[in-house]
Amino acid sequence: MVPALTIKEIEKYCSYHYEYDEKRIIGIMIARYSIPQSQDMIQQQYDFWNRKTGHYLNVYWLGYGAYFFPNKQGQFFVGDYGNESSVYFDTNVFVNEVEKLEQYKEIRDEIGILLCNYYDGRIHLNESVFFNLEELMENNNQKLRMFADYLLKLCKKEHNVANATVKLKIKYSFLSERPTKFVKEAIKLIIETAFSFL
């Protein structure tokens, strides 16, 4: 059984996937299941993204679990996907974990991905950026699929949230993002350094 994912559980899975001295970006999907757009996105993308993401970018779905559906109050059966039978969503776990994330940034009730730096064997939530994915959900999620594809390719080259955010913002200038103070400063430094060579 995979319990409904918490930040602590995600960190445990990261330590299993990555070497201690590796620097990586990880993604935490924030998608409350009872929002119809979340359900559509999961049906269309969940299995494909799970298969396509891997060593360069692991994406974890906050509040979702798999293999065994406990069927307790506040839990919803999501579906059967590939090798993971009975994927489920736990509302209580999701709410508790979002409250923890709010210590680092404003997380509204919207569908998005939190990109975080991972190094020294832990997730650095203070070095993260949140992208609102609802802005990409139109025309059969074409923009969302393109964003995900670009993000996966980007994470093969970039292992730092600030560097990746600069490139994402160049390509998707309309997309809302909320970086932590650390990432804002890092982005400013990257931009200033880039312009100093011009």
N, C-alpha and C. Protein backbone atom coordinates (compact mmCIF):
# COMPACT_ATOMS: atom_id res chain seq x y z
N MET A 1 0.84 -1.20 0.00
CA MET A 1 0.00 0.00 0.00
C MET A 1 0.87 1.24 0.00
N VAL A 2 0.48 2.23 -0.77
CA VAL A 2 1.11 3.54 -0.73
C VAL A 2 0.15 4.46 0.01
N PRO A 3 0.51 4.91 1.21
CA PRO A 3 -0.40 5.80 1.94
C PRO A 3 -0.57 7.12 1.22
N ALA A 4 -1.64 7.83 1.54
CA ALA A 4 -1.85 9.16 0.95
C ALA A 4 -0.61 9.99 1.23
N LEU A 5 -0.05 10.57 0.19
CA LEU A 5 1.26 11.19 0.29
C LEU A 5 1.27 12.46 1.13
N THR A 6 2.20 12.48 2.06
CA THR A 6 2.50 13.66 2.87
C THR A 6 3.88 14.16 2.42
N ILE A 7 4.27 15.34 2.89
CA ILE A 7 5.60 15.87 2.58
C ILE A 7 6.67 14.89 3.09
N LYS A 8 6.45 14.34 4.27
CA LYS A 8 7.40 13.40 4.87
C LYS A 8 7.54 12.15 4.01
N GLU A 9 6.40 11.62 3.54
CA GLU A 9 6.42 10.44 2.67
C GLU A 9 7.14 10.73 1.36
N ILE A 10 6.87 11.90 0.79
CA ILE A 10 7.51 12.29 -0.47
C ILE A 10 9.03 12.37 -0.29
N GLU A 11 9.45 12.94 0.83
CA GLU A 11 10.89 13.05 1.11
C GLU A 11 11.51 11.65 1.22
N LYS A 12 10.77 10.72 1.80
CA LYS A 12 11.26 9.35 1.93
C LYS A 12 11.43 8.71 0.54
N TYR A 13 10.45 8.91 -0.35
CA TYR A 13 10.55 8.37 -1.70
C TYR A 13 11.70 9.02 -2.46
N CYS A 14 11.92 10.32 -2.25
CA CYS A 14 13.04 11.01 -2.90
C CYS A 14 14.37 10.41 -2.47
N SER A 15 14.52 10.14 -1.19
CA SER A 15 15.78 9.60 -0.68
C SER A 15 16.04 8.21 -1.27
N TYR A 16 14.96 7.53 -1.64
CA TYR A 16 15.09 6.22 -2.28
C TYR A 16 15.53 6.37 -3.74
N HIS A 17 14.99 7.36 -4.44
CA HIS A 17 15.26 7.55 -5.88
C HIS A 17 16.60 8.22 -6.15
N TYR A 18 17.05 9.10 -5.27
CA TYR A 18 18.23 9.91 -5.55
C TYR A 18 19.38 9.57 -4.62
N GLU A 19 20.59 9.80 -5.13
CA GLU A 19 21.78 9.69 -4.29
C GLU A 19 21.80 10.88 -3.33
N TYR A 20 22.48 10.72 -2.20
CA TYR A 20 22.49 11.78 -1.19
C TYR A 20 23.05 13.09 -1.75
N ASP A 21 24.09 13.02 -2.58
CA ASP A 21 24.73 14.23 -3.07
C ASP A 21 24.12 14.77 -4.37
N GLU A 22 23.03 14.14 -4.84
CA GLU A 22 22.39 14.62 -6.07
C GLU A 22 21.61 15.90 -5.82
N LYS A 23 21.60 16.75 -6.84
CA LYS A 23 20.76 17.95 -6.82
C LYS A 23 19.70 17.78 -7.89
N ARG A 24 18.45 17.84 -7.51
CA ARG A 24 17.34 17.60 -8.42
C ARG A 24 16.19 18.56 -8.13
N ILE A 25 15.30 18.64 -9.11
CA ILE A 25 14.03 19.33 -8.91
C ILE A 25 12.98 18.24 -8.77
N ILE A 26 12.09 18.38 -7.80
CA ILE A 26 10.95 17.46 -7.70
C ILE A 26 9.68 18.29 -7.84
N GLY A 27 8.62 17.64 -8.28
CA GLY A 27 7.33 18.30 -8.42
C GLY A 27 6.32 17.73 -7.44
N ILE A 28 5.58 18.61 -6.80
CA ILE A 28 4.48 18.19 -5.92
C ILE A 28 3.19 18.72 -6.53
N MET A 29 2.35 17.82 -7.00
CA MET A 29 1.07 18.21 -7.59
C MET A 29 0.09 18.54 -6.48
N ILE A 30 -0.56 19.68 -6.61
CA ILE A 30 -1.58 20.10 -5.66
C ILE A 30 -2.88 20.19 -6.45
N ALA A 31 -3.70 19.17 -6.29
CA ALA A 31 -4.93 19.07 -7.09
C ALA A 31 -6.01 18.39 -6.25
N ARG A 32 -6.85 19.21 -5.64
CA ARG A 32 -7.95 18.65 -4.83
C ARG A 32 -8.88 17.86 -5.74
N TYR A 33 -9.11 16.59 -5.40
CA TYR A 33 -9.81 15.69 -6.32
C TYR A 33 -11.24 16.09 -6.60
N SER A 34 -11.91 16.75 -5.67
CA SER A 34 -13.31 17.09 -5.86
C SER A 34 -13.53 18.25 -6.84
N ILE A 35 -12.44 18.89 -7.31
CA ILE A 35 -12.56 19.91 -8.35
C ILE A 35 -12.68 19.17 -9.70
N PRO A 36 -13.73 19.44 -10.48
CA PRO A 36 -13.90 18.71 -11.76
C PRO A 36 -12.68 18.78 -12.68
N GLN A 37 -11.99 19.92 -12.72
CA GLN A 37 -10.80 20.04 -13.57
C GLN A 37 -9.70 19.09 -13.12
N SER A 38 -9.60 18.86 -11.80
CA SER A 38 -8.62 17.90 -11.28
C SER A 38 -8.94 16.50 -11.79
N GLN A 39 -10.22 16.14 -11.71
CA GLN A 39 -10.63 14.82 -12.15
C GLN A 39 -10.33 14.62 -13.64
N ASP A 40 -10.61 15.64 -14.45
CA ASP A 40 -10.32 15.56 -15.88
C ASP A 40 -8.82 15.41 -16.13
N MET A 41 -8.03 16.21 -15.41
CA MET A 41 -6.58 16.17 -15.59
C MET A 41 -6.04 14.80 -15.19
N ILE A 42 -6.52 14.26 -14.09
CA ILE A 42 -6.05 12.96 -13.62
C ILE A 42 -6.40 11.87 -14.64
N GLN A 43 -7.64 11.88 -15.13
CA GLN A 43 -8.04 10.87 -16.11
C GLN A 43 -7.20 10.95 -17.38
N GLN A 44 -6.86 12.16 -17.79
CA GLN A 44 -6.12 12.34 -19.04
C GLN A 44 -4.61 12.18 -18.87
N GLN A 45 -4.06 12.59 -17.71
CA GLN A 45 -2.61 12.72 -17.59
C GLN A 45 -1.93 11.81 -16.57
N TYR A 46 -2.64 11.37 -15.53
CA TYR A 46 -2.00 10.70 -14.39
C TYR A 46 -1.10 9.55 -14.83
N ASP A 47 -1.65 8.58 -15.56
CA ASP A 47 -0.88 7.40 -15.93
C ASP A 47 0.27 7.76 -16.86
N PHE A 48 0.00 8.64 -17.83
CA PHE A 48 1.02 9.03 -18.79
C PHE A 48 2.18 9.75 -18.09
N TRP A 49 1.84 10.71 -17.21
CA TRP A 49 2.90 11.43 -16.49
C TRP A 49 3.69 10.50 -15.59
N ASN A 50 3.00 9.56 -14.93
CA ASN A 50 3.69 8.60 -14.07
C ASN A 50 4.71 7.79 -14.86
N ARG A 51 4.35 7.42 -16.08
CA ARG A 51 5.26 6.61 -16.91
C ARG A 51 6.39 7.46 -17.49
N LYS A 52 6.07 8.71 -17.83
CA LYS A 52 7.06 9.56 -18.50
C LYS A 52 8.04 10.21 -17.52
N THR A 53 7.56 10.59 -16.36
CA THR A 53 8.47 11.18 -15.37
C THR A 53 9.32 10.07 -14.78
N GLY A 54 10.47 10.43 -14.31
CA GLY A 54 11.36 9.41 -13.77
C GLY A 54 12.53 10.06 -13.08
N HIS A 55 13.72 9.66 -13.51
CA HIS A 55 14.92 10.09 -12.80
C HIS A 55 15.13 11.60 -12.83
N TYR A 56 14.76 12.25 -13.92
CA TYR A 56 15.03 13.69 -14.03
C TYR A 56 13.99 14.54 -13.32
N LEU A 57 12.78 14.04 -13.22
CA LEU A 57 11.74 14.78 -12.50
C LEU A 57 10.72 13.79 -11.95
N ASN A 58 10.71 13.62 -10.66
CA ASN A 58 9.67 12.83 -10.02
C ASN A 58 8.55 13.77 -9.61
N VAL A 59 7.32 13.41 -9.97
CA VAL A 59 6.15 14.20 -9.61
C VAL A 59 5.33 13.40 -8.61
N TYR A 60 5.05 13.99 -7.47
CA TYR A 60 4.28 13.34 -6.40
C TYR A 60 2.96 14.07 -6.23
N TRP A 61 1.89 13.31 -6.07
CA TRP A 61 0.54 13.87 -5.95
C TRP A 61 0.16 13.94 -4.47
N LEU A 62 0.18 15.14 -3.91
CA LEU A 62 -0.09 15.34 -2.49
C LEU A 62 -1.50 14.86 -2.13
N GLY A 63 -1.59 14.01 -1.12
CA GLY A 63 -2.88 13.53 -0.65
C GLY A 63 -3.42 12.32 -1.39
N TYR A 64 -2.65 11.79 -2.35
CA TYR A 64 -3.08 10.62 -3.12
C TYR A 64 -2.29 9.39 -2.67
N GLY A 65 -2.96 8.24 -2.67
CA GLY A 65 -2.33 6.97 -2.33
C GLY A 65 -2.72 5.92 -3.34
N ALA A 66 -2.15 4.70 -3.19
CA ALA A 66 -2.42 3.67 -4.20
C ALA A 66 -2.35 2.26 -3.61
N TYR A 67 -2.78 1.33 -4.44
CA TYR A 67 -2.74 -0.12 -4.21
C TYR A 67 -3.83 -0.65 -3.30
N PHE A 68 -4.34 0.16 -2.40
CA PHE A 68 -5.38 -0.33 -1.49
C PHE A 68 -6.23 0.86 -1.09
N PHE A 69 -7.51 0.75 -1.31
CA PHE A 69 -8.43 1.86 -1.01
C PHE A 69 -9.05 1.65 0.36
N PRO A 70 -8.64 2.44 1.37
CA PRO A 70 -9.16 2.25 2.73
C PRO A 70 -10.65 2.54 2.87
N ASN A 71 -11.20 3.41 2.01
CA ASN A 71 -12.63 3.75 2.02
C ASN A 71 -13.09 4.32 3.35
N LYS A 72 -12.32 5.28 3.87
CA LYS A 72 -12.70 5.97 5.09
C LYS A 72 -13.33 7.30 4.74
N GLN A 73 -13.94 7.94 5.73
CA GLN A 73 -14.60 9.22 5.48
C GLN A 73 -13.59 10.24 4.95
N GLY A 74 -14.01 10.98 3.91
CA GLY A 74 -13.14 11.99 3.31
C GLY A 74 -12.22 11.45 2.25
N GLN A 75 -12.32 10.13 1.96
CA GLN A 75 -11.50 9.53 0.92
C GLN A 75 -12.34 9.24 -0.31
N PHE A 76 -11.73 9.39 -1.49
CA PHE A 76 -12.43 9.18 -2.75
C PHE A 76 -11.64 8.21 -3.62
N PHE A 77 -12.34 7.27 -4.20
CA PHE A 77 -11.72 6.38 -5.17
C PHE A 77 -11.47 7.17 -6.44
N VAL A 78 -10.23 7.13 -6.95
CA VAL A 78 -9.85 7.91 -8.13
C VAL A 78 -9.92 7.04 -9.38
N GLY A 79 -9.39 5.83 -9.31
CA GLY A 79 -9.41 4.93 -10.47
C GLY A 79 -8.26 3.96 -10.43
N ASP A 80 -8.23 3.09 -11.43
CA ASP A 80 -7.15 2.12 -11.57
C ASP A 80 -6.24 2.58 -12.70
N TYR A 81 -4.95 2.69 -12.42
CA TYR A 81 -4.00 3.20 -13.40
C TYR A 81 -2.78 2.29 -13.47
N GLY A 82 -2.61 1.64 -14.61
CA GLY A 82 -1.43 0.81 -14.82
C GLY A 82 -1.26 -0.21 -13.72
N ASN A 83 -0.06 -0.24 -13.14
CA ASN A 83 0.23 -1.20 -12.07
C ASN A 83 -0.35 -0.77 -10.73
N GLU A 84 -0.77 0.49 -10.65
CA GLU A 84 -1.31 0.99 -9.38
C GLU A 84 -2.82 0.81 -9.38
N SER A 85 -3.29 -0.15 -8.63
CA SER A 85 -4.74 -0.35 -8.57
C SER A 85 -5.31 0.48 -7.43
N SER A 86 -6.52 0.93 -7.61
CA SER A 86 -7.24 1.66 -6.57
C SER A 86 -6.51 2.90 -6.06
N VAL A 87 -6.17 3.79 -6.97
CA VAL A 87 -5.63 5.09 -6.55
C VAL A 87 -6.76 5.83 -5.84
N TYR A 88 -6.43 6.45 -4.71
CA TYR A 88 -7.44 7.16 -3.93
C TYR A 88 -6.91 8.51 -3.47
N PHE A 89 -7.84 9.37 -3.07
CA PHE A 89 -7.50 10.70 -2.57
C PHE A 89 -8.04 10.83 -1.16
N ASP A 90 -7.21 11.39 -0.26
CA ASP A 90 -7.60 11.58 1.14
C ASP A 90 -7.67 13.08 1.44
N THR A 91 -8.88 13.59 1.63
CA THR A 91 -9.10 15.03 1.85
C THR A 91 -8.37 15.53 3.08
N ASN A 92 -8.45 14.79 4.18
CA ASN A 92 -7.83 15.24 5.44
C ASN A 92 -6.31 15.36 5.32
N VAL A 93 -5.69 14.37 4.70
CA VAL A 93 -4.23 14.42 4.51
C VAL A 93 -3.88 15.62 3.63
N PHE A 94 -4.64 15.80 2.55
CA PHE A 94 -4.39 16.90 1.61
C PHE A 94 -4.45 18.26 2.32
N VAL A 95 -5.50 18.48 3.09
CA VAL A 95 -5.69 19.76 3.79
C VAL A 95 -4.55 20.00 4.78
N ASN A 96 -4.20 18.97 5.56
CA ASN A 96 -3.11 19.11 6.55
C ASN A 96 -1.78 19.45 5.88
N GLU A 97 -1.50 18.81 4.76
CA GLU A 97 -0.22 19.03 4.08
C GLU A 97 -0.16 20.39 3.39
N VAL A 98 -1.28 20.83 2.82
CA VAL A 98 -1.32 22.17 2.22
C VAL A 98 -1.06 23.23 3.29
N GLU A 99 -1.61 23.03 4.48
CA GLU A 99 -1.37 23.97 5.59
C GLU A 99 0.12 24.04 5.92
N LYS A 100 0.83 22.92 5.84
CA LYS A 100 2.28 22.92 6.09
C LYS A 100 3.02 23.71 5.01
N LEU A 101 2.58 23.54 3.75
CA LEU A 101 3.21 24.26 2.65
C LEU A 101 3.01 25.76 2.76
N GLU A 102 1.90 26.17 3.36
CA GLU A 102 1.58 27.60 3.47
C GLU A 102 2.57 28.34 4.38
N GLN A 103 3.39 27.61 5.11
CA GLN A 103 4.45 28.25 5.89
C GLN A 103 5.50 28.87 4.96
N TYR A 104 5.58 28.34 3.74
CA TYR A 104 6.61 28.77 2.80
C TYR A 104 6.07 29.70 1.71
N LYS A 105 4.80 29.56 1.38
CA LYS A 105 4.22 30.39 0.33
C LYS A 105 2.70 30.30 0.40
N GLU A 106 2.06 31.25 -0.28
CA GLU A 106 0.61 31.26 -0.31
C GLU A 106 0.13 30.20 -1.29
N ILE A 107 -0.61 29.23 -0.77
CA ILE A 107 -1.19 28.18 -1.62
C ILE A 107 -2.70 28.38 -1.56
N ARG A 108 -3.27 28.75 -2.69
CA ARG A 108 -4.72 28.93 -2.75
C ARG A 108 -5.36 27.62 -3.17
N ASP A 109 -6.69 27.61 -3.19
CA ASP A 109 -7.41 26.41 -3.61
C ASP A 109 -7.45 26.38 -5.14
N GLU A 110 -6.30 26.03 -5.72
CA GLU A 110 -6.18 25.97 -7.17
C GLU A 110 -5.29 24.79 -7.55
N ILE A 111 -5.40 24.36 -8.77
CA ILE A 111 -4.63 23.23 -9.25
C ILE A 111 -3.27 23.74 -9.72
N GLY A 112 -2.22 23.12 -9.20
CA GLY A 112 -0.90 23.59 -9.60
C GLY A 112 0.19 22.60 -9.26
N ILE A 113 1.40 22.98 -9.62
CA ILE A 113 2.57 22.15 -9.30
C ILE A 113 3.58 23.00 -8.54
N LEU A 114 4.08 22.44 -7.47
CA LEU A 114 5.11 23.08 -6.66
C LEU A 114 6.44 22.43 -7.02
N LEU A 115 7.32 23.21 -7.63
CA LEU A 115 8.65 22.71 -7.98
C LEU A 115 9.60 23.05 -6.84
N CYS A 116 10.29 22.05 -6.33
CA CYS A 116 11.17 22.23 -5.17
C CYS A 116 12.57 21.72 -5.47
N ASN A 117 13.55 22.36 -4.86
CA ASN A 117 14.92 21.85 -4.92
C ASN A 117 15.03 20.67 -3.96
N TYR A 118 15.77 19.65 -4.39
CA TYR A 118 16.08 18.51 -3.53
C TYR A 118 17.59 18.30 -3.56
N TYR A 119 18.20 18.36 -2.40
CA TYR A 119 19.62 18.07 -2.27
C TYR A 119 19.93 17.80 -0.80
N ASP A 120 21.10 17.27 -0.53
CA ASP A 120 21.52 16.89 0.83
C ASP A 120 20.49 15.97 1.49
N GLY A 121 19.83 15.17 0.67
CA GLY A 121 18.90 14.18 1.21
C GLY A 121 17.57 14.73 1.70
N ARG A 122 17.23 15.97 1.30
CA ARG A 122 15.92 16.48 1.74
C ARG A 122 15.33 17.47 0.75
N ILE A 123 14.02 17.68 0.87
CA ILE A 123 13.30 18.65 0.06
C ILE A 123 13.45 20.01 0.70
N HIS A 124 13.81 21.01 -0.09
CA HIS A 124 13.96 22.38 0.42
C HIS A 124 12.73 23.19 -0.01
N LEU A 125 11.70 23.17 0.83
CA LEU A 125 10.45 23.86 0.51
C LEU A 125 10.63 25.38 0.46
N ASN A 126 11.66 25.87 1.16
CA ASN A 126 11.93 27.31 1.10
C ASN A 126 12.56 27.72 -0.23
N GLU A 127 12.94 26.73 -1.05
CA GLU A 127 13.49 26.97 -2.38
C GLU A 127 12.53 26.34 -3.39
N SER A 128 11.39 26.96 -3.54
CA SER A 128 10.34 26.37 -4.38
C SER A 128 9.57 27.45 -5.12
N VAL A 129 8.85 27.01 -6.13
CA VAL A 129 7.99 27.90 -6.89
C VAL A 129 6.72 27.13 -7.24
N PHE A 130 5.58 27.83 -7.13
CA PHE A 130 4.28 27.23 -7.42
C PHE A 130 3.75 27.80 -8.73
N PHE A 131 3.40 26.93 -9.66
CA PHE A 131 2.79 27.34 -10.92
C PHE A 131 1.33 26.92 -10.94
N ASN A 132 0.45 27.87 -11.22
CA ASN A 132 -0.98 27.60 -11.35
C ASN A 132 -1.23 26.96 -12.71
N LEU A 133 -1.64 25.70 -12.71
CA LEU A 133 -1.84 24.98 -13.96
C LEU A 133 -3.24 25.18 -14.55
N GLU A 134 -4.13 25.79 -13.78
CA GLU A 134 -5.49 26.01 -14.30
C GLU A 134 -5.47 26.94 -15.51
N GLU A 135 -4.45 27.81 -15.58
CA GLU A 135 -4.32 28.73 -16.70
C GLU A 135 -3.98 28.00 -18.00
N LEU A 136 -3.59 26.73 -17.89
CA LEU A 136 -3.22 25.94 -19.07
C LEU A 136 -4.33 24.97 -19.48
N MET A 137 -5.46 25.01 -18.76
CA MET A 137 -6.51 24.03 -18.98
C MET A 137 -7.60 24.56 -19.91
N GLU A 138 -7.32 24.46 -21.18
CA GLU A 138 -8.30 24.82 -22.21
C GLU A 138 -7.89 24.10 -23.48
N ASN A 139 -8.79 24.04 -24.45
CA ASN A 139 -8.50 23.35 -25.73
C ASN A 139 -7.96 21.94 -25.49
N ASN A 140 -8.73 21.15 -24.72
CA ASN A 140 -8.34 19.76 -24.42
C ASN A 140 -6.97 19.66 -23.74
N ASN A 141 -6.65 20.68 -22.93
CA ASN A 141 -5.41 20.69 -22.14
C ASN A 141 -4.15 20.67 -23.01
N GLN A 142 -4.22 21.19 -24.20
CA GLN A 142 -3.06 21.20 -25.08
C GLN A 142 -1.89 21.95 -24.46
N LYS A 143 -2.15 23.14 -23.91
CA LYS A 143 -1.08 23.93 -23.29
C LYS A 143 -0.50 23.21 -22.07
N LEU A 144 -1.36 22.54 -21.31
CA LEU A 144 -0.91 21.79 -20.14
C LEU A 144 0.03 20.67 -20.56
N ARG A 145 -0.32 19.95 -21.60
CA ARG A 145 0.52 18.85 -22.09
C ARG A 145 1.86 19.38 -22.59
N MET A 146 1.82 20.51 -23.28
CA MET A 146 3.06 21.10 -23.80
C MET A 146 3.95 21.58 -22.65
N PHE A 147 3.32 22.19 -21.62
CA PHE A 147 4.06 22.64 -20.44
C PHE A 147 4.74 21.46 -19.75
N ALA A 148 4.00 20.37 -19.55
CA ALA A 148 4.55 19.19 -18.89
C ALA A 148 5.71 18.60 -19.69
N ASP A 149 5.56 18.54 -21.00
CA ASP A 149 6.61 18.00 -21.85
C ASP A 149 7.86 18.88 -21.77
N TYR A 150 7.67 20.21 -21.82
CA TYR A 150 8.81 21.13 -21.73
C TYR A 150 9.49 21.02 -20.36
N LEU A 151 8.68 20.93 -19.31
CA LEU A 151 9.23 20.82 -17.95
C LEU A 151 10.08 19.56 -17.80
N LEU A 152 9.61 18.43 -18.34
CA LEU A 152 10.38 17.19 -18.26
C LEU A 152 11.72 17.31 -18.98
N LYS A 153 11.70 17.91 -20.16
CA LYS A 153 12.95 18.10 -20.91
C LYS A 153 13.88 19.08 -20.19
N LEU A 154 13.29 20.11 -19.61
CA LEU A 154 14.07 21.13 -18.90
C LEU A 154 14.79 20.53 -17.70
N CYS A 155 14.11 19.63 -16.98
CA CYS A 155 14.70 19.05 -15.77
C CYS A 155 15.82 18.07 -16.06
N LYS A 156 15.97 17.67 -17.32
CA LYS A 156 17.13 16.86 -17.69
C LYS A 156 18.40 17.71 -17.65
N LYS A 157 18.24 19.03 -17.90
CA LYS A 157 19.38 19.94 -17.97
C LYS A 157 19.54 20.77 -16.70
N GLU A 158 18.40 21.17 -16.12
CA GLU A 158 18.42 22.05 -14.95
C GLU A 158 18.11 21.26 -13.68
N HIS A 159 18.91 21.49 -12.67
CA HIS A 159 18.69 20.80 -11.39
C HIS A 159 18.43 21.79 -10.27
N ASN A 160 18.02 23.01 -10.65
CA ASN A 160 17.78 24.06 -9.68
C ASN A 160 16.51 24.79 -10.07
N VAL A 161 15.62 25.00 -9.10
CA VAL A 161 14.32 25.61 -9.34
C VAL A 161 14.45 27.01 -9.93
N ALA A 162 15.39 27.81 -9.43
CA ALA A 162 15.53 29.19 -9.92
C ALA A 162 15.88 29.21 -11.40
N ASN A 163 16.84 28.38 -11.83
CA ASN A 163 17.21 28.31 -13.24
C ASN A 163 16.05 27.86 -14.10
N ALA A 164 15.34 26.83 -13.65
CA ALA A 164 14.20 26.30 -14.40
C ALA A 164 13.09 27.34 -14.49
N THR A 165 12.86 28.08 -13.40
CA THR A 165 11.79 29.08 -13.38
C THR A 165 12.05 30.19 -14.39
N VAL A 166 13.29 30.63 -14.49
CA VAL A 166 13.63 31.67 -15.48
C VAL A 166 13.25 31.19 -16.88
N LYS A 167 13.61 29.96 -17.22
CA LYS A 167 13.30 29.44 -18.56
C LYS A 167 11.81 29.20 -18.76
N LEU A 168 11.13 28.73 -17.71
CA LEU A 168 9.67 28.55 -17.80
C LEU A 168 8.97 29.88 -18.00
N LYS A 169 9.44 30.92 -17.30
CA LYS A 169 8.81 32.24 -17.41
C LYS A 169 9.06 32.88 -18.78
N ILE A 170 10.19 32.58 -19.38
CA ILE A 170 10.46 33.09 -20.73
C ILE A 170 9.49 32.44 -21.72
N LYS A 171 9.31 31.15 -21.60
CA LYS A 171 8.44 30.41 -22.54
C LYS A 171 6.96 30.61 -22.22
N TYR A 172 6.61 30.73 -20.93
CA TYR A 172 5.22 30.85 -20.51
C TYR A 172 5.06 32.12 -19.68
N SER A 173 5.24 33.27 -20.32
CA SER A 173 5.23 34.56 -19.61
C SER A 173 3.89 34.86 -18.95
N PHE A 174 2.81 34.29 -19.46
CA PHE A 174 1.47 34.55 -18.93
C PHE A 174 1.17 33.73 -17.68
N LEU A 175 1.99 32.76 -17.38
CA LEU A 175 1.69 31.81 -16.31
C LEU A 175 1.98 32.40 -14.94
N SER A 176 1.00 32.29 -14.02
CA SER A 176 1.18 32.80 -12.65
C SER A 176 2.10 31.87 -11.88
N GLU A 177 3.06 32.47 -11.18
CA GLU A 177 3.93 31.68 -10.31
C GLU A 177 4.18 32.46 -9.03
N ARG A 178 4.38 31.71 -7.94
CA ARG A 178 4.64 32.33 -6.65
C ARG A 178 5.91 31.71 -6.05
N PRO A 179 7.06 32.32 -6.30
CA PRO A 179 8.29 31.77 -5.75
C PRO A 179 8.49 32.16 -4.29
N THR A 180 9.27 31.37 -3.58
CA THR A 180 9.67 31.76 -2.23
C THR A 180 10.65 32.92 -2.34
N LYS A 181 10.90 33.59 -1.23
CA LYS A 181 11.83 34.73 -1.21
C LYS A 181 13.21 34.29 -1.71
N PHE A 182 13.65 33.11 -1.31
CA PHE A 182 14.94 32.59 -1.73
C PHE A 182 15.01 32.49 -3.24
N VAL A 183 13.95 31.93 -3.86
CA VAL A 183 13.94 31.74 -5.31
C VAL A 183 13.87 33.09 -6.02
N LYS A 184 13.10 34.05 -5.47
CA LYS A 184 13.05 35.40 -6.06
C LYS A 184 14.45 36.00 -6.13
N GLU A 185 15.20 35.89 -5.04
CA GLU A 185 16.55 36.44 -5.01
C GLU A 185 17.47 35.71 -5.98
N ALA A 186 17.31 34.39 -6.06
CA ALA A 186 18.15 33.60 -6.97
C ALA A 186 17.84 33.95 -8.42
N ILE A 187 16.56 34.11 -8.75
CA ILE A 187 16.16 34.48 -10.12
C ILE A 187 16.74 35.85 -10.47
N LYS A 188 16.63 36.80 -9.54
CA LYS A 188 17.17 38.15 -9.75
C LYS A 188 18.66 38.09 -10.04
N LEU A 189 19.38 37.28 -9.28
CA LEU A 189 20.82 37.13 -9.45
C LEU A 189 21.14 36.49 -10.80
N ILE A 190 20.37 35.49 -11.20
CA ILE A 190 20.60 34.81 -12.49
C ILE A 190 20.38 35.79 -13.64
N ILE A 191 19.31 36.59 -13.57
CA ILE A 191 19.00 37.55 -14.62
C ILE A 191 20.09 38.63 -14.69
N GLU A 192 20.48 39.16 -13.52
CA GLU A 192 21.52 40.19 -13.49
C GLU A 192 22.84 39.66 -14.05
N THR A 193 23.18 38.41 -13.72
CA THR A 193 24.41 37.81 -14.22
C THR A 193 24.35 37.64 -15.73
N ALA A 194 23.19 37.17 -16.22
CA ALA A 194 23.02 36.97 -17.67
C ALA A 194 23.18 38.28 -18.42
N PHE A 195 22.57 39.37 -17.90
CA PHE A 195 22.65 40.66 -18.59
C PHE A 195 24.04 41.29 -18.50
N SER A 196 24.79 40.92 -17.48
CA SER A 196 26.12 41.50 -17.33
C SER A 196 27.09 41.03 -18.43
N PHE A 197 26.72 39.88 -19.08
CA PHE A 197 27.58 39.35 -20.16
C PHE A 197 27.18 39.90 -21.50
N LEU A 198 26.07 40.67 -21.59
CA LEU A 198 25.62 41.19 -22.87
C LEU A 198 26.43 42.42 -23.30
